[in-house]
Amino acid sequence: MAIVKQTVDRLDNLEESFTPVLLQLGAMHSYKANFSADNFSVFLESLLFTWDSVLMDKMTPECTVAWRTVFSYIMAKLHQGYITGHS
């Protein structure tokens, strides 16, 4: 969850200030045994399910779109780093 907080804290300057961290973290996952790139999409859906379960009626359609955007960005950069780490 620290990655989510750090991403949100840097929304105004993600590419410069935090994307390198996400890419490096993704690359680190490329060396984990039994870890697949498919795990990123599963984790994305798990995060959204958890957020929806906790926030319940506060998880409006707009809120869902916003969090999906943040989580998708994180997972895309992790996946990019993962692929680069496999190269």
Protein backbone atom coordinates (compact mmCIF):
# COMPACT_ATOMS: atom_id res chain seq x y z
CA MET A 1 0.00 0.00 0.00
CA ALA A 2 2.99 2.28 0.38
CA ILE A 3 3.37 2.32 -3.41
CA VAL A 4 -0.24 3.47 -3.78
CA LYS A 5 0.30 6.28 -1.26
CA GLN A 6 3.55 7.35 -2.86
CA THR A 7 1.92 7.36 -6.30
CA VAL A 8 -0.99 9.49 -5.11
CA ASP A 9 1.39 11.86 -3.31
CA ARG A 10 3.22 12.45 -6.61
CA LEU A 11 0.29 12.67 -9.05
CA ASP A 12 1.38 16.10 -10.26
CA ASN A 13 4.81 14.87 -11.35
CA LEU A 14 4.63 11.09 -11.69
CA GLU A 15 6.78 10.58 -14.76
CA GLU A 16 9.78 12.37 -13.35
CA SER A 17 9.44 11.73 -9.65
CA PHE A 18 8.09 8.22 -9.28
CA THR A 19 7.97 6.24 -12.52
CA PRO A 20 11.63 5.16 -12.15
CA VAL A 21 10.78 3.61 -8.76
CA LEU A 22 7.86 1.66 -10.26
CA LEU A 23 9.99 0.46 -13.18
CA GLN A 24 12.71 -0.72 -10.82
CA LEU A 25 10.19 -2.50 -8.61
CA GLY A 26 8.71 -4.22 -11.66
CA ALA A 27 12.17 -5.30 -12.80
CA MET A 28 12.83 -6.77 -9.35
CA HIS A 29 9.75 -8.96 -9.80
CA SER A 30 11.21 -10.42 -13.00
CA TYR A 31 13.68 -12.34 -10.83
CA LYS A 32 11.06 -13.85 -8.51
CA ALA A 33 10.43 -17.54 -9.00
CA ASN A 34 6.89 -18.43 -10.05
CA PHE A 35 5.98 -14.78 -10.70
CA SER A 36 4.20 -14.11 -13.97
CA ALA A 37 3.33 -10.90 -15.78
CA ASP A 38 -0.30 -12.02 -15.44
CA ASN A 39 -0.03 -11.34 -11.71
CA PHE A 40 -0.19 -7.60 -12.36
CA SER A 41 -3.71 -7.75 -13.83
CA VAL A 42 -4.86 -10.06 -11.03
CA PHE A 43 -3.46 -7.66 -8.45
CA LEU A 44 -5.18 -4.73 -10.17
CA GLU A 45 -8.57 -6.41 -9.91
CA SER A 46 -7.83 -7.44 -6.30
CA LEU A 47 -7.06 -3.85 -5.35
CA LEU A 48 -10.28 -2.60 -6.91
CA PHE A 49 -12.30 -5.32 -5.21
CA THR A 50 -10.73 -4.45 -1.85
CA TRP A 51 -11.29 -0.71 -2.30
CA ASP A 52 -14.92 -1.38 -3.25
CA SER A 53 -15.40 -3.67 -0.23
CA VAL A 54 -13.97 -1.15 2.20
CA LEU A 55 -15.46 2.04 0.78
CA MET A 56 -18.83 0.48 -0.10
CA ASP A 57 -21.34 3.26 -0.87
CA LYS A 58 -18.53 5.84 -1.00
CA MET A 59 -17.11 4.03 -4.03
CA THR A 60 -19.09 5.99 -6.60
CA PRO A 61 -18.66 5.33 -10.33
CA GLU A 62 -16.40 8.40 -10.52
CA CYS A 63 -14.34 7.16 -7.60
CA THR A 64 -14.02 3.75 -9.24
CA VAL A 65 -12.76 5.34 -12.45
CA ALA A 66 -10.23 7.45 -10.53
CA TRP A 67 -8.84 4.52 -8.56
CA ARG A 68 -8.80 2.27 -11.63
CA THR A 69 -6.75 4.95 -13.38
CA VAL A 70 -4.23 5.18 -10.52
CA PHE A 71 -3.97 1.40 -10.09
CA SER A 72 -3.73 0.82 -13.85
CA TYR A 73 -0.88 3.31 -14.07
CA ILE A 74 0.99 1.57 -11.25
CA MET A 75 0.47 -1.88 -12.79
CA ALA A 76 1.44 -0.69 -16.28
CA LYS A 77 4.74 0.71 -15.01
CA LEU A 78 5.42 -2.38 -12.90
CA HIS A 79 4.69 -4.55 -15.95
CA GLN A 80 6.96 -2.41 -18.12
CA GLY A 81 9.77 -2.80 -15.60
CA TYR A 82 9.09 -6.53 -15.35
CA ILE A 83 9.39 -6.93 -19.14
CA THR A 84 12.56 -4.83 -19.21
CA GLY A 85 14.02 -6.95 -16.41
CA HIS A 86 13.43 -10.08 -18.49
CA SER A 87 15.26 -8.61 -21.50
